[in-house]
Amino acid sequence: MTNMIDIKVKNQYSQIVDAQALLNSASETQDMIKRIEHIVVDGEVILPSIELLFESQNSSSIYKVIEA
């Protein structure tokens, strides 16, 4: 089961952007940020890297979750 939540992310230029995150609810004891399957920024679904950064394929932006 999954859950979509509203979050704030920061790009590499320190601009804060509203986004959404899809959470995996299978392991609800884990930290919320580690449960993120992907984020959605401006309609683009962005998958995480190993460092839990999200690199856009449509723009040159790289996002980090700052508030969930």
PDB file of N, CA and C in Angstrom:
ATOM      1  N   MET A   1       0.843  -1.178   0.000  1.00  0.00           N
ATOM      2  CA  MET A   1       0.000   0.000   0.000  1.00  0.00           C
ATOM      3  C   MET A   1       0.888   1.242   0.000  1.00  0.00           C
ATOM      4  N   THR A   2       0.443   2.287  -0.691  1.00  0.00           N
ATOM      5  CA  THR A   2       1.224   3.514  -0.801  1.00  0.00           C
ATOM      6  C   THR A   2       0.367   4.714  -0.416  1.00  0.00           C
ATOM      7  N   ASN A   3       1.042   5.837  -0.179  1.00  0.00           N
ATOM      8  CA  ASN A   3       0.373   7.040   0.280  1.00  0.00           C
ATOM      9  C   ASN A   3       1.054   8.252  -0.348  1.00  0.00           C
ATOM     10  N   MET A   4       0.288   9.168  -0.966  1.00  0.00           N
ATOM     11  CA  MET A   4       0.836  10.383  -1.565  1.00  0.00           C
ATOM     12  C   MET A   4       0.714  11.523  -0.555  1.00  0.00           C
ATOM     13  N   ILE A   5       1.824  12.239  -0.306  1.00  0.00           N
ATOM     14  CA  ILE A   5       1.815  13.356   0.639  1.00  0.00           C
ATOM     15  C   ILE A   5       2.404  14.594  -0.030  1.00  0.00           C
ATOM     16  N   ASP A   6       2.086  15.766   0.519  1.00  0.00           N
ATOM     17  CA  ASP A   6       2.681  17.023   0.069  1.00  0.00           C
ATOM     18  C   ASP A   6       3.987  17.233   0.814  1.00  0.00           C
ATOM     19  N   ILE A   7       5.013  17.676   0.081  1.00  0.00           N
ATOM     20  CA  ILE A   7       6.331  17.907   0.665  1.00  0.00           C
ATOM     21  C   ILE A   7       6.912  19.201   0.112  1.00  0.00           C
ATOM     22  N   LYS A   8       8.032  19.613   0.669  1.00  0.00           N
ATOM     23  CA  LYS A   8       8.823  20.710   0.127  1.00  0.00           C
ATOM     24  C   LYS A   8      10.191  20.142  -0.211  1.00  0.00           C
ATOM     25  N   VAL A   9      10.711  20.545  -1.364  1.00  0.00           N
ATOM     26  CA  VAL A   9      12.037  20.115  -1.787  1.00  0.00           C
ATOM     27  C   VAL A   9      12.864  21.348  -2.110  1.00  0.00           C
ATOM     28  N   LYS A  10      14.176  21.179  -2.056  1.00  0.00           N
ATOM     29  CA  LYS A  10      15.095  22.262  -2.388  1.00  0.00           C
ATOM     30  C   LYS A  10      15.953  21.793  -3.543  1.00  0.00           C
ATOM     31  N   ASN A  11      16.128  22.652  -4.555  1.00  0.00           N
ATOM     32  CA  ASN A  11      16.994  22.272  -5.667  1.00  0.00           C
ATOM     33  C   ASN A  11      18.423  22.731  -5.401  1.00  0.00           C
ATOM     34  N   GLN A  12      19.318  22.449  -6.345  1.00  0.00           N
ATOM     35  CA  GLN A  12      20.730  22.754  -6.135  1.00  0.00           C
ATOM     36  C   GLN A  12      21.009  24.254  -6.079  1.00  0.00           C
ATOM     37  N   TYR A  13      20.018  25.079  -6.439  1.00  0.00           N
ATOM     38  CA  TYR A  13      20.164  26.537  -6.373  1.00  0.00           C
ATOM     39  C   TYR A  13      19.513  27.105  -5.115  1.00  0.00           C
ATOM     40  N   SER A  14      19.155  26.237  -4.172  1.00  0.00           N
ATOM     41  CA  SER A  14      18.524  26.573  -2.892  1.00  0.00           C
ATOM     42  C   SER A  14      17.128  27.156  -3.039  1.00  0.00           C
ATOM     43  N   GLN A  15      16.474  26.910  -4.162  1.00  0.00           N
ATOM     44  CA  GLN A  15      15.086  27.320  -4.347  1.00  0.00           C
ATOM     45  C   GLN A  15      14.185  26.241  -3.760  1.00  0.00           C
ATOM     46  N   ILE A  16      13.226  26.643  -2.934  1.00  0.00           N
ATOM     47  CA  ILE A  16      12.295  25.701  -2.316  1.00  0.00           C
ATOM     48  C   ILE A  16      11.061  25.584  -3.203  1.00  0.00           C
ATOM     49  N   VAL A  17      10.660  24.347  -3.469  1.00  0.00           N
ATOM     50  CA  VAL A  17       9.569  24.052  -4.393  1.00  0.00           C
ATOM     51  C   VAL A  17       8.574  23.120  -3.706  1.00  0.00           C
ATOM     52  N   ASP A  18       7.276  23.362  -3.921  1.00  0.00           N
ATOM     53  CA  ASP A  18       6.247  22.430  -3.448  1.00  0.00           C
ATOM     54  C   ASP A  18       6.241  21.208  -4.358  1.00  0.00           C
ATOM     55  N   ALA A  19       6.092  20.038  -3.769  1.00  0.00           N
ATOM     56  CA  ALA A  19       6.085  18.788  -4.531  1.00  0.00           C
ATOM     57  C   ALA A  19       5.197  17.786  -3.801  1.00  0.00           C
ATOM     58  N   GLN A  20       5.099  16.603  -4.371  1.00  0.00           N
ATOM     59  CA  GLN A  20       4.401  15.495  -3.731  1.00  0.00           C
ATOM     60  C   GLN A  20       5.342  14.301  -3.691  1.00  0.00           C
ATOM     61  N   ALA A  21       5.129  13.436  -2.706  1.00  0.00           N
ATOM     62  CA  ALA A  21       5.942  12.227  -2.581  1.00  0.00           C
ATOM     63  C   ALA A  21       5.030  11.024  -2.430  1.00  0.00           C
ATOM     64  N   LEU A  22       5.403   9.941  -3.078  1.00  0.00           N
ATOM     65  CA  LEU A  22       4.700   8.673  -2.917  1.00  0.00           C
ATOM     66  C   LEU A  22       5.476   7.859  -1.894  1.00  0.00           C
ATOM     67  N   LEU A  23       4.809   7.527  -0.780  1.00  0.00           N
ATOM     68  CA  LEU A  23       5.444   6.773   0.300  1.00  0.00           C
ATOM     69  C   LEU A  23       5.058   5.312   0.226  1.00  0.00           C
ATOM     70  N   ASN A  24       6.016   4.451   0.528  1.00  0.00           N
ATOM     71  CA  ASN A  24       5.751   3.028   0.687  1.00  0.00           C
ATOM     72  C   ASN A  24       5.343   2.821   2.138  1.00  0.00           C
ATOM     73  N   SER A  25       4.151   2.339   2.366  1.00  0.00           N
ATOM     74  CA  SER A  25       3.673   2.171   3.741  1.00  0.00           C
ATOM     75  C   SER A  25       3.966   0.781   4.299  1.00  0.00           C
ATOM     76  N   ALA A  26       4.678  -0.045   3.545  1.00  0.00           N
ATOM     77  CA  ALA A  26       4.987  -1.399   4.004  1.00  0.00           C
ATOM     78  C   ALA A  26       5.884  -1.389   5.236  1.00  0.00           C
ATOM     79  N   SER A  27       6.729  -0.382   5.354  1.00  0.00           N
ATOM     80  CA  SER A  27       7.651  -0.313   6.497  1.00  0.00           C
ATOM     81  C   SER A  27       7.457   1.016   7.216  1.00  0.00           C
ATOM     82  N   GLU A  28       6.325   1.173   7.888  1.00  0.00           N
ATOM     83  CA  GLU A  28       5.969   2.435   8.524  1.00  0.00           C
ATOM     84  C   GLU A  28       6.856   2.794   9.707  1.00  0.00           C
ATOM     85  N   THR A  29       7.701   1.886  10.176  1.00  0.00           N
ATOM     86  CA  THR A  29       8.609   2.203  11.269  1.00  0.00           C
ATOM     87  C   THR A  29       9.852   2.930  10.774  1.00  0.00           C
ATOM     88  N   GLN A  30      10.102   2.901   9.470  1.00  0.00           N
ATOM     89  CA  GLN A  30      11.250   3.594   8.895  1.00  0.00           C
ATOM     90  C   GLN A  30      11.017   5.091   8.877  1.00  0.00           C
ATOM     91  N   ASP A  31      12.121   5.857   8.829  1.00  0.00           N
ATOM     92  CA  ASP A  31      12.066   7.302   8.672  1.00  0.00           C
ATOM     93  C   ASP A  31      11.280   7.639   7.405  1.00  0.00           C
ATOM     94  N   MET A  32      10.429   8.658   7.469  1.00  0.00           N
ATOM     95  CA  MET A  32       9.555   8.988   6.344  1.00  0.00           C
ATOM     96  C   MET A  32      10.338   9.246   5.055  1.00  0.00           C
ATOM     97  N   ILE A  33      11.444   9.943   5.131  1.00  0.00           N
ATOM     98  CA  ILE A  33      12.228  10.256   3.929  1.00  0.00           C
ATOM     99  C   ILE A  33      12.750   8.981   3.272  1.00  0.00           C
ATOM    100  N   LYS A  34      13.084   7.970   4.043  1.00  0.00           N
ATOM    101  CA  LYS A  34      13.577   6.709   3.477  1.00  0.00           C
ATOM    102  C   LYS A  34      12.460   5.886   2.847  1.00  0.00           C
ATOM    103  N   ARG A  35      11.203   6.234   3.127  1.00  0.00           N
ATOM    104  CA  ARG A  35      10.059   5.512   2.563  1.00  0.00           C
ATOM    105  C   ARG A  35       9.600   6.091   1.228  1.00  0.00           C
ATOM    106  N   ILE A  36      10.226   7.173   0.761  1.00  0.00           N
ATOM    107  CA  ILE A  36       9.793   7.816  -0.482  1.00  0.00           C
ATOM    108  C   ILE A  36      10.177   6.955  -1.679  1.00  0.00           C
ATOM    109  N   GLU A  37       9.172   6.589  -2.471  1.00  0.00           N
ATOM    110  CA  GLU A  37       9.405   5.824  -3.704  1.00  0.00           C
ATOM    111  C   GLU A  37       9.749   6.749  -4.857  1.00  0.00           C
ATOM    112  N   HIS A  38       9.054   7.886  -4.937  1.00  0.00           N
ATOM    113  CA  HIS A  38       9.371   8.907  -5.933  1.00  0.00           C
ATOM    114  C   HIS A  38       8.729  10.221  -5.515  1.00  0.00           C
ATOM    115  N   ILE A  39       9.186  11.323  -6.139  1.00  0.00           N
ATOM    116  CA  ILE A  39       8.558  12.616  -5.929  1.00  0.00           C
ATOM    117  C   ILE A  39       7.969  13.089  -7.255  1.00  0.00           C
ATOM    118  N   VAL A  40       7.033  14.030  -7.158  1.00  0.00           N
ATOM    119  CA  VAL A  40       6.433  14.629  -8.345  1.00  0.00           C
ATOM    120  C   VAL A  40       6.630  16.137  -8.237  1.00  0.00           C
ATOM    121  N   VAL A  41       7.375  16.709  -9.207  1.00  0.00           N
ATOM    122  CA  VAL A  41       7.637  18.146  -9.262  1.00  0.00           C
ATOM    123  C   VAL A  41       7.159  18.644 -10.620  1.00  0.00           C
ATOM    124  N   ASP A  42       6.260  19.606 -10.619  1.00  0.00           N
ATOM    125  CA  ASP A  42       5.710  20.164 -11.867  1.00  0.00           C
ATOM    126  C   ASP A  42       5.231  19.068 -12.813  1.00  0.00           C
ATOM    127  N   GLY A  43       4.583  18.039 -12.264  1.00  0.00           N
ATOM    128  CA  GLY A  43       4.034  16.960 -13.074  1.00  0.00           C
ATOM    129  C   GLY A  43       5.027  15.885 -13.474  1.00  0.00           C
ATOM    130  N   GLU A  44       6.304  16.056 -13.156  1.00  0.00           N
ATOM    131  CA  GLU A  44       7.333  15.067 -13.508  1.00  0.00           C
ATOM    132  C   GLU A  44       7.568  14.116 -12.341  1.00  0.00           C
ATOM    133  N   VAL A  45       7.512  12.823 -12.601  1.00  0.00           N
ATOM    134  CA  VAL A  45       7.834  11.806 -11.601  1.00  0.00           C
ATOM    135  C   VAL A  45       9.348  11.631 -11.595  1.00  0.00           C
ATOM    136  N   ILE A  46       9.966  11.803 -10.401  1.00  0.00           N
ATOM    137  CA  ILE A  46      11.421  11.733 -10.284  1.00  0.00           C
ATOM    138  C   ILE A  46      11.775  10.670  -9.255  1.00  0.00           C
ATOM    139  N   LEU A  47      12.578   9.705  -9.666  1.00  0.00           N
ATOM    140  CA  LEU A  47      13.010   8.618  -8.783  1.00  0.00           C
ATOM    141  C   LEU A  47      14.241   9.041  -7.992  1.00  0.00           C
ATOM    142  N   PRO A  48      14.435   8.489  -6.783  1.00  0.00           N
ATOM    143  CA  PRO A  48      15.588   8.871  -5.968  1.00  0.00           C
ATOM    144  C   PRO A  48      16.866   8.179  -6.420  1.00  0.00           C
ATOM    145  N   SER A  49      17.987   8.835  -6.118  1.00  0.00           N
ATOM    146  CA  SER A  49      19.293   8.202  -6.295  1.00  0.00           C
ATOM    147  C   SER A  49      19.647   7.524  -4.973  1.00  0.00           C
ATOM    148  N   ILE A  50      20.806   6.926  -4.910  1.00  0.00           N
ATOM    149  CA  ILE A  50      21.241   6.252  -3.682  1.00  0.00           C
ATOM    150  C   ILE A  50      21.365   7.244  -2.528  1.00  0.00           C
ATOM    151  N   GLU A  51      21.718   8.492  -2.824  1.00  0.00           N
ATOM    152  CA  GLU A  51      21.886   9.521  -1.789  1.00  0.00           C
ATOM    153  C   GLU A  51      20.566  10.177  -1.407  1.00  0.00           C
ATOM    154  N   LEU A  52      19.433   9.643  -1.892  1.00  0.00           N
ATOM    155  CA  LEU A  52      18.101  10.210  -1.693  1.00  0.00           C
ATOM    156  C   LEU A  52      17.989  11.616  -2.267  1.00  0.00           C
ATOM    157  N   LEU A  53      18.691  11.854  -3.371  1.00  0.00           N
ATOM    158  CA  LEU A  53      18.515  13.059  -4.166  1.00  0.00           C
ATOM    159  C   LEU A  53      17.672  12.674  -5.369  1.00  0.00           C
ATOM    160  N   PHE A  54      16.960  13.622  -5.927  1.00  0.00           N
ATOM    161  CA  PHE A  54      16.052  13.368  -7.036  1.00  0.00           C
ATOM    162  C   PHE A  54      16.481  14.228  -8.214  1.00  0.00           C
ATOM    163  N   GLU A  55      17.003  13.603  -9.272  1.00  0.00           N
ATOM    164  CA  GLU A  55      17.516  14.326 -10.435  1.00  0.00           C
ATOM    165  C   GLU A  55      16.481  14.318 -11.553  1.00  0.00           C
ATOM    166  N   SER A  56      16.081  15.515 -11.971  1.00  0.00           N
ATOM    167  CA  SER A  56      15.091  15.662 -13.035  1.00  0.00           C
ATOM    168  C   SER A  56      15.686  15.261 -14.372  1.00  0.00           C
ATOM    169  N   GLN A  57      14.893  14.552 -15.177  1.00  0.00           N
ATOM    170  CA  GLN A  57      15.290  14.217 -16.544  1.00  0.00           C
ATOM    171  C   GLN A  57      14.823  15.289 -17.523  1.00  0.00           C
ATOM    172  N   ASN A  58      13.880  16.154 -17.102  1.00  0.00           N
ATOM    173  CA  ASN A  58      13.338  17.198 -17.968  1.00  0.00           C
ATOM    174  C   ASN A  58      14.064  18.527 -17.834  1.00  0.00           C
ATOM    175  N   SER A  59      14.751  18.737 -16.724  1.00  0.00           N
ATOM    176  CA  SER A  59      15.493  19.978 -16.506  1.00  0.00           C
ATOM    177  C   SER A  59      16.824  19.615 -15.860  1.00  0.00           C
ATOM    178  N   SER A  60      17.610  20.606 -15.556  1.00  0.00           N
ATOM    179  CA  SER A  60      18.912  20.342 -14.935  1.00  0.00           C
ATOM    180  C   SER A  60      18.830  20.372 -13.413  1.00  0.00           C
ATOM    181  N   SER A  61      17.637  20.289 -12.849  1.00  0.00           N
ATOM    182  CA  SER A  61      17.458  20.416 -11.404  1.00  0.00           C
ATOM    183  C   SER A  61      17.689  19.102 -10.672  1.00  0.00           C
ATOM    184  N   ILE A  62      18.266  19.228  -9.483  1.00  0.00           N
ATOM    185  CA  ILE A  62      18.448  18.116  -8.551  1.00  0.00           C
ATOM    186  C   ILE A  62      17.779  18.549  -7.253  1.00  0.00           C
ATOM    187  N   TYR A  63      16.890  17.702  -6.714  1.00  0.00           N
ATOM    188  CA  TYR A  63      16.098  18.066  -5.547  1.00  0.00           C
ATOM    189  C   TYR A  63      16.457  17.215  -4.337  1.00  0.00           C
ATOM    190  N   LYS A  64      16.325  17.837  -3.151  1.00  0.00           N
ATOM    191  CA  LYS A  64      16.481  17.149  -1.876  1.00  0.00           C
ATOM    192  C   LYS A  64      15.243  17.467  -1.046  1.00  0.00           C
ATOM    193  N   VAL A  65      14.661  16.465  -0.410  1.00  0.00           N
ATOM    194  CA  VAL A  65      13.478  16.682   0.429  1.00  0.00           C
ATOM    195  C   VAL A  65      13.913  17.413   1.690  1.00  0.00           C
ATOM    196  N   ILE A  66      13.223  18.519   2.012  1.00  0.00           N
ATOM    197  CA  ILE A  66      13.553  19.264   3.224  1.00  0.00           C
ATOM    198  C   ILE A  66      12.425  19.248   4.241  1.00  0.00           C
ATOM    199  N   GLU A  67      11.203  18.945   3.788  1.00  0.00           N
ATOM    200  CA  GLU A  67      10.059  18.908   4.699  1.00  0.00           C
ATOM    201  C   GLU A  67       9.035  17.914   4.187  1.00  0.00           C
ATOM    202  N   ALA A  68       8.638  17.023   5.082  1.00  0.00           N
ATOM    203  CA  ALA A  68       7.622  16.034   4.694  1.00  0.00           C
ATOM    204  C   ALA A  68       6.542  15.990   5.740  1.00  0.00           C
TER     205      ALA A  68
END
